[in-house]
């Protein structure tokens, strides 16, 4: 039985080719597309190449990090062909894009923008480089009604879900999001792997630390991020193997 893996990068905009090679060495058919080149605004979920993977594999797994994990969970909730979702530093909500005060949903489905949590326009940070975790928490509090509509319907994911997050994530509160996802799914089968000192970018064994993307605090250290990746790796292999 062959397994295809759709591997989705985060907001750095750079495909995780080193991670793809690690998964290919495990025997998986991996596609790691660059899924945006510009704003993360109204990206069609149908644009991800699941059809290509499905045409040549018996199983489908979607693995994503950060905004890619957001997309992976949304795809899992909408495409019944997906057998498992692996979310690294996931979100429990749909977020958007802020362009000079005009906010749009990050995603569309069948031509319609998905409901999203607006960003609090009054939020500011004194951190340098900036940490955005408080912005996400504050936006959820300020826009509680919008947040309820923007919650990713993870209970619709028919396959298993594995979530990996660091307790020192400075981008968004990924551990809190992962815990919320697990609660929403109840008995449907969700595994979580957390490490208190890790940040937003877990590192698999043998993987090089990623650079690039927007200047921001991501939390953790390379050592702590590697420890989280090493802790999660057996669970990732188990999920991939089905």
Foldseek 3Di string as FASTA:
>chain_A
DAEEEEEEEAQLLDFQVLVVVVVVVVPHHYDTDSQDDDWLAARELVPRPPVVRVVPGQAYEYEYAHVSLQSQLLCLLPDQRHAEYEYELHAQFFAWTADPNDTHTSHDYPPHGAQGQYFDPPDDAPDVVAFCQVRVVVSCVVPVVSRVSGGRQNLSRQHAYEYFYEQFFRHHRSVVRLVVSCVNNPPRHYHYQYYHQAWRAAAAVPGDDDDGGDRHDTGHDNVSSPVSNPRCVVVVVVRSVD
